[in-house]
Amino acid sequence: MWFIEFFKKSLEGRGFYPTLMVIVSWTYAAVVVCILLYQLFLYTLGIKYNNDAFGKETSEKKKEQ
């Protein structure tokens, strides 16, 4: 695949630590982008997460006001 070849060429002649940091940072970036896309997907479909604890907290705050 093209991105594996790109990583091989860009990491050629580098030490262990820079290689590890590149792999960790790109993996983290990929995970964050996937989570963002998932959240956008849920938002566009209008799917809501019902959390009972959050509902209780907001209703208690409304009663106090």
PDB file of N, CA and C in Angstrom:
ATOM      1  N   MET A   1       0.835  -1.176   0.000  1.00  0.00           N
ATOM      2  CA  MET A   1       0.000   0.000   0.000  1.00  0.00           C
ATOM      3  C   MET A   1       0.885   1.246   0.000  1.00  0.00           C
ATOM      4  N   TRP A   2       0.345   2.300  -0.546  1.00  0.00           N
ATOM      5  CA  TRP A   2       1.150   3.502  -0.735  1.00  0.00           C
ATOM      6  C   TRP A   2       1.579   4.149   0.570  1.00  0.00           C
ATOM      7  N   PHE A   3       0.729   4.111   1.611  1.00  0.00           N
ATOM      8  CA  PHE A   3       1.103   4.790   2.845  1.00  0.00           C
ATOM      9  C   PHE A   3       2.158   4.010   3.619  1.00  0.00           C
ATOM     10  N   ILE A   4       2.180   2.686   3.481  1.00  0.00           N
ATOM     11  CA  ILE A   4       3.231   1.902   4.131  1.00  0.00           C
ATOM     12  C   ILE A   4       4.581   2.203   3.481  1.00  0.00           C
ATOM     13  N   GLU A   5       4.580   2.293   2.168  1.00  0.00           N
ATOM     14  CA  GLU A   5       5.813   2.652   1.461  1.00  0.00           C
ATOM     15  C   GLU A   5       6.265   4.064   1.830  1.00  0.00           C
ATOM     16  N   PHE A   6       5.308   4.968   1.983  1.00  0.00           N
ATOM     17  CA  PHE A   6       5.630   6.341   2.392  1.00  0.00           C
ATOM     18  C   PHE A   6       6.290   6.353   3.770  1.00  0.00           C
ATOM     19  N   PHE A   7       5.715   5.588   4.716  1.00  0.00           N
ATOM     20  CA  PHE A   7       6.298   5.525   6.054  1.00  0.00           C
ATOM     21  C   PHE A   7       7.683   4.889   6.035  1.00  0.00           C
ATOM     22  N   LYS A   8       7.857   3.856   5.232  1.00  0.00           N
ATOM     23  CA  LYS A   8       9.171   3.216   5.146  1.00  0.00           C
ATOM     24  C   LYS A   8      10.226   4.195   4.648  1.00  0.00           C
ATOM     25  N   LYS A   9       9.881   4.960   3.618  1.00  0.00           N
ATOM     26  CA  LYS A   9      10.840   5.923   3.066  1.00  0.00           C
ATOM     27  C   LYS A   9      11.099   7.071   4.038  1.00  0.00           C
ATOM     28  N   SER A  10      10.059   7.536   4.727  1.00  0.00           N
ATOM     29  CA  SER A  10      10.236   8.675   5.631  1.00  0.00           C
ATOM     30  C   SER A  10      10.959   8.286   6.918  1.00  0.00           C
ATOM     31  N   LEU A  11      10.864   7.023   7.329  1.00  0.00           N
ATOM     32  CA  LEU A  11      11.512   6.587   8.567  1.00  0.00           C
ATOM     33  C   LEU A  11      12.868   5.939   8.329  1.00  0.00           C
ATOM     34  N   GLU A  12      13.289   5.875   7.102  1.00  0.00           N
ATOM     35  CA  GLU A  12      14.555   5.239   6.762  1.00  0.00           C
ATOM     36  C   GLU A  12      15.713   6.013   7.383  1.00  0.00           C
ATOM     37  N   GLY A  13      16.578   5.313   8.110  1.00  0.00           N
ATOM     38  CA  GLY A  13      17.742   5.936   8.726  1.00  0.00           C
ATOM     39  C   GLY A  13      17.459   6.628  10.042  1.00  0.00           C
ATOM     40  N   ARG A  14      16.284   6.486  10.580  1.00  0.00           N
ATOM     41  CA  ARG A  14      15.942   7.124  11.850  1.00  0.00           C
ATOM     42  C   ARG A  14      16.063   6.098  12.975  1.00  0.00           C
ATOM     43  N   GLY A  15      16.110   6.597  14.195  1.00  0.00           N
ATOM     44  CA  GLY A  15      16.234   5.741  15.361  1.00  0.00           C
ATOM     45  C   GLY A  15      14.897   5.165  15.794  1.00  0.00           C
ATOM     46  N   PHE A  16      14.951   4.422  16.905  1.00  0.00           N
ATOM     47  CA  PHE A  16      13.750   3.764  17.421  1.00  0.00           C
ATOM     48  C   PHE A  16      12.743   4.773  17.960  1.00  0.00           C
ATOM     49  N   TYR A  17      13.210   5.737  18.755  1.00  0.00           N
ATOM     50  CA  TYR A  17      12.295   6.686  19.386  1.00  0.00           C
ATOM     51  C   TYR A  17      11.537   7.548  18.377  1.00  0.00           C
ATOM     52  N   PRO A  18      12.192   8.150  17.384  1.00  0.00           N
ATOM     53  CA  PRO A  18      11.423   8.920  16.396  1.00  0.00           C
ATOM     54  C   PRO A  18      10.421   8.059  15.627  1.00  0.00           C
ATOM     55  N   THR A  19      10.821   6.826  15.322  1.00  0.00           N
ATOM     56  CA  THR A  19       9.909   5.917  14.628  1.00  0.00           C
ATOM     57  C   THR A  19       8.699   5.609  15.495  1.00  0.00           C
ATOM     58  N   LEU A  20       8.940   5.333  16.780  1.00  0.00           N
ATOM     59  CA  LEU A  20       7.847   5.051  17.707  1.00  0.00           C
ATOM     60  C   LEU A  20       6.911   6.247  17.833  1.00  0.00           C
ATOM     61  N   MET A  21       7.469   7.452  17.921  1.00  0.00           N
ATOM     62  CA  MET A  21       6.637   8.644  18.058  1.00  0.00           C
ATOM     63  C   MET A  21       5.799   8.892  16.811  1.00  0.00           C
ATOM     64  N   VAL A  22       6.351   8.621  15.646  1.00  0.00           N
ATOM     65  CA  VAL A  22       5.582   8.774  14.406  1.00  0.00           C
ATOM     66  C   VAL A  22       4.418   7.799  14.394  1.00  0.00           C
ATOM     67  N   ILE A  23       4.681   6.550  14.757  1.00  0.00           N
ATOM     68  CA  ILE A  23       3.620   5.538  14.753  1.00  0.00           C
ATOM     69  C   ILE A  23       2.541   5.884  15.769  1.00  0.00           C
ATOM     70  N   VAL A  24       2.942   6.274  16.981  1.00  0.00           N
ATOM     71  CA  VAL A  24       1.968   6.604  18.030  1.00  0.00           C
ATOM     72  C   VAL A  24       1.153   7.833  17.648  1.00  0.00           C
ATOM     73  N   SER A  25       1.798   8.872  17.138  1.00  0.00           N
ATOM     74  CA  SER A  25       1.067  10.098  16.815  1.00  0.00           C
ATOM     75  C   SER A  25       0.109   9.893  15.644  1.00  0.00           C
ATOM     76  N   TRP A  26       0.517   9.147  14.625  1.00  0.00           N
ATOM     77  CA  TRP A  26      -0.381   8.883  13.502  1.00  0.00           C
ATOM     78  C   TRP A  26      -1.540   7.976  13.919  1.00  0.00           C
ATOM     79  N   THR A  27      -1.276   7.020  14.792  1.00  0.00           N
ATOM     80  CA  THR A  27      -2.351   6.157  15.285  1.00  0.00           C
ATOM     81  C   THR A  27      -3.347   6.969  16.096  1.00  0.00           C
ATOM     82  N   TYR A  28      -2.841   7.835  16.965  1.00  0.00           N
ATOM     83  CA  TYR A  28      -3.714   8.691  17.766  1.00  0.00           C
ATOM     84  C   TYR A  28      -4.549   9.606  16.873  1.00  0.00           C
ATOM     85  N   ALA A  29      -3.922  10.182  15.873  1.00  0.00           N
ATOM     86  CA  ALA A  29      -4.645  11.061  14.948  1.00  0.00           C
ATOM     87  C   ALA A  29      -5.733  10.293  14.204  1.00  0.00           C
ATOM     88  N   ALA A  30      -5.445   9.068  13.795  1.00  0.00           N
ATOM     89  CA  ALA A  30      -6.443   8.258  13.092  1.00  0.00           C
ATOM     90  C   ALA A  30      -7.619   7.931  14.005  1.00  0.00           C
ATOM     91  N   VAL A  31      -7.341   7.620  15.265  1.00  0.00           N
ATOM     92  CA  VAL A  31      -8.414   7.320  16.221  1.00  0.00           C
ATOM     93  C   VAL A  31      -9.277   8.554  16.458  1.00  0.00           C
ATOM     94  N   VAL A  32      -8.666   9.707  16.626  1.00  0.00           N
ATOM     95  CA  VAL A  32      -9.419  10.946  16.859  1.00  0.00           C
ATOM     96  C   VAL A  32     -10.291  11.286  15.654  1.00  0.00           C
ATOM     97  N   VAL A  33      -9.765  11.117  14.456  1.00  0.00           N
ATOM     98  CA  VAL A  33     -10.549  11.390  13.245  1.00  0.00           C
ATOM     99  C   VAL A  33     -11.712  10.413  13.136  1.00  0.00           C
ATOM    100  N   CYS A  34     -11.495   9.144  13.471  1.00  0.00           N
ATOM    101  CA  CYS A  34     -12.587   8.161  13.429  1.00  0.00           C
ATOM    102  C   CYS A  34     -13.677   8.509  14.433  1.00  0.00           C
ATOM    103  N   ILE A  35     -13.286   8.927  15.624  1.00  0.00           N
ATOM    104  CA  ILE A  35     -14.274   9.322  16.631  1.00  0.00           C
ATOM    105  C   ILE A  35     -15.051  10.546  16.165  1.00  0.00           C
ATOM    106  N   LEU A  36     -14.365  11.506  15.569  1.00  0.00           N
ATOM    107  CA  LEU A  36     -15.029  12.696  15.045  1.00  0.00           C
ATOM    108  C   LEU A  36     -16.038  12.331  13.961  1.00  0.00           C
ATOM    109  N   LEU A  37     -15.647  11.465  13.045  1.00  0.00           N
ATOM    110  CA  LEU A  37     -16.566  11.042  11.985  1.00  0.00           C
ATOM    111  C   LEU A  37     -17.767  10.302  12.560  1.00  0.00           C
ATOM    112  N   TYR A  38     -17.538   9.475  13.573  1.00  0.00           N
ATOM    113  CA  TYR A  38     -18.630   8.753  14.223  1.00  0.00           C
ATOM    114  C   TYR A  38     -19.591   9.726  14.901  1.00  0.00           C
ATOM    115  N   GLN A  39     -19.050  10.729  15.590  1.00  0.00           N
ATOM    116  CA  GLN A  39     -19.899  11.723  16.239  1.00  0.00           C
ATOM    117  C   GLN A  39     -20.701  12.526  15.221  1.00  0.00           C
ATOM    118  N   LEU A  40     -20.087  12.894  14.110  1.00  0.00           N
ATOM    119  CA  LEU A  40     -20.810  13.607  13.055  1.00  0.00           C
ATOM    120  C   LEU A  40     -21.908  12.735  12.454  1.00  0.00           C
ATOM    121  N   PHE A  41     -21.626  11.455  12.295  1.00  0.00           N
ATOM    122  CA  PHE A  41     -22.623  10.514  11.787  1.00  0.00           C
ATOM    123  C   PHE A  41     -23.822  10.439  12.731  1.00  0.00           C
ATOM    124  N   LEU A  42     -23.556  10.320  14.026  1.00  0.00           N
ATOM    125  CA  LEU A  42     -24.652  10.277  14.997  1.00  0.00           C
ATOM    126  C   LEU A  42     -25.421  11.591  15.021  1.00  0.00           C
ATOM    127  N   TYR A  43     -24.718  12.708  14.902  1.00  0.00           N
ATOM    128  CA  TYR A  43     -25.363  14.015  14.927  1.00  0.00           C
ATOM    129  C   TYR A  43     -26.263  14.206  13.714  1.00  0.00           C
ATOM    130  N   THR A  44     -25.797  13.798  12.540  1.00  0.00           N
ATOM    131  CA  THR A  44     -26.607  13.987  11.331  1.00  0.00           C
ATOM    132  C   THR A  44     -27.845  13.107  11.343  1.00  0.00           C
ATOM    133  N   LEU A  45     -27.756  11.941  11.971  1.00  0.00           N
ATOM    134  CA  LEU A  45     -28.929  11.068  12.053  1.00  0.00           C
ATOM    135  C   LEU A  45     -29.853  11.436  13.208  1.00  0.00           C
ATOM    136  N   GLY A  46     -29.399  12.302  14.080  1.00  0.00           N
ATOM    137  CA  GLY A  46     -30.226  12.738  15.201  1.00  0.00           C
ATOM    138  C   GLY A  46     -30.313  11.723  16.319  1.00  0.00           C
ATOM    139  N   ILE A  47     -29.328  10.847  16.429  1.00  0.00           N
ATOM    140  CA  ILE A  47     -29.324   9.835  17.483  1.00  0.00           C
ATOM    141  C   ILE A  47     -28.852  10.495  18.768  1.00  0.00           C
ATOM    142  N   LYS A  48     -29.613  10.283  19.843  1.00  0.00           N
ATOM    143  CA  LYS A  48     -29.266  10.884  21.124  1.00  0.00           C
ATOM    144  C   LYS A  48     -28.993   9.782  22.135  1.00  0.00           C
ATOM    145  N   TYR A  49     -28.062  10.064  23.019  1.00  0.00           N
ATOM    146  CA  TYR A  49     -27.682   9.123  24.062  1.00  0.00           C
ATOM    147  C   TYR A  49     -28.392   9.519  25.340  1.00  0.00           C
ATOM    148  N   ASN A  50     -29.199   8.627  25.864  1.00  0.00           N
ATOM    149  CA  ASN A  50     -29.930   8.910  27.092  1.00  0.00           C
ATOM    150  C   ASN A  50     -29.138   8.398  28.282  1.00  0.00           C
ATOM    151  N   ASN A  51     -28.652   9.318  29.077  1.00  0.00           N
ATOM    152  CA  ASN A  51     -27.912   8.976  30.278  1.00  0.00           C
ATOM    153  C   ASN A  51     -28.765   9.407  31.461  1.00  0.00           C
ATOM    154  N   ASP A  52     -29.195   8.449  32.278  1.00  0.00           N
ATOM    155  CA  ASP A  52     -30.076   8.755  33.397  1.00  0.00           C
ATOM    156  C   ASP A  52     -29.421   9.689  34.411  1.00  0.00           C
ATOM    157  N   ALA A  53     -28.141   9.503  34.661  1.00  0.00           N
ATOM    158  CA  ALA A  53     -27.445  10.350  35.630  1.00  0.00           C
ATOM    159  C   ALA A  53     -27.425  11.796  35.150  1.00  0.00           C
ATOM    160  N   PHE A  54     -27.195  12.009  33.870  1.00  0.00           N
ATOM    161  CA  PHE A  54     -27.178  13.371  33.335  1.00  0.00           C
ATOM    162  C   PHE A  54     -28.569  13.987  33.413  1.00  0.00           C
ATOM    163  N   GLY A  55     -29.591  13.210  33.138  1.00  0.00           N
ATOM    164  CA  GLY A  55     -30.958  13.714  33.217  1.00  0.00           C
ATOM    165  C   GLY A  55     -31.333  14.120  34.625  1.00  0.00           C
ATOM    166  N   LYS A  56     -30.900  13.340  35.604  1.00  0.00           N
ATOM    167  CA  LYS A  56     -31.187  13.669  37.002  1.00  0.00           C
ATOM    168  C   LYS A  56     -30.475  14.948  37.423  1.00  0.00           C
ATOM    169  N   GLU A  57     -29.227  15.095  36.987  1.00  0.00           N
ATOM    170  CA  GLU A  57     -28.470  16.298  37.346  1.00  0.00           C
ATOM    171  C   GLU A  57     -29.113  17.549  36.761  1.00  0.00           C
ATOM    172  N   THR A  58     -29.536  17.489  35.517  1.00  0.00           N
ATOM    173  CA  THR A  58     -30.129  18.672  34.896  1.00  0.00           C
ATOM    174  C   THR A  58     -31.486  18.988  35.499  1.00  0.00           C
ATOM    175  N   SER A  59     -32.266  17.960  35.834  1.00  0.00           N
ATOM    176  CA  SER A  59     -33.576  18.229  36.431  1.00  0.00           C
ATOM    177  C   SER A  59     -33.421  18.799  37.839  1.00  0.00           C
ATOM    178  N   GLU A  60     -32.400  18.351  38.577  1.00  0.00           N
ATOM    179  CA  GLU A  60     -32.157  18.904  39.909  1.00  0.00           C
ATOM    180  C   GLU A  60     -31.726  20.368  39.821  1.00  0.00           C
ATOM    181  N   LYS A  61     -30.930  20.705  38.835  1.00  0.00           N
ATOM    182  CA  LYS A  61     -30.494  22.094  38.668  1.00  0.00           C
ATOM    183  C   LYS A  61     -31.671  22.985  38.302  1.00  0.00           C
ATOM    184  N   LYS A  62     -32.589  22.473  37.489  1.00  0.00           N
ATOM    185  CA  LYS A  62     -33.763  23.266  37.118  1.00  0.00           C
ATOM    186  C   LYS A  62     -34.656  23.500  38.329  1.00  0.00           C
ATOM    187  N   LYS A  63     -34.779  22.502  39.201  1.00  0.00           N
ATOM    188  CA  LYS A  63     -35.615  22.649  40.392  1.00  0.00           C
ATOM    189  C   LYS A  63     -35.030  23.681  41.356  1.00  0.00           C
ATOM    190  N   GLU A  64     -33.696  23.730  41.432  1.00  0.00           N
ATOM    191  CA  GLU A  64     -33.043  24.687  42.323  1.00  0.00           C
ATOM    192  C   GLU A  64     -33.248  26.119  41.855  1.00  0.00           C
ATOM    193  N   GLN A  65     -33.352  26.317  40.561  1.00  0.00           N
ATOM    194  CA  GLN A  65     -33.495  27.672  40.028  1.00  0.00           C
ATOM    195  C   GLN A  65     -34.884  28.098  40.191  1.00  0.00           C
TER     196      GLN A  65
END
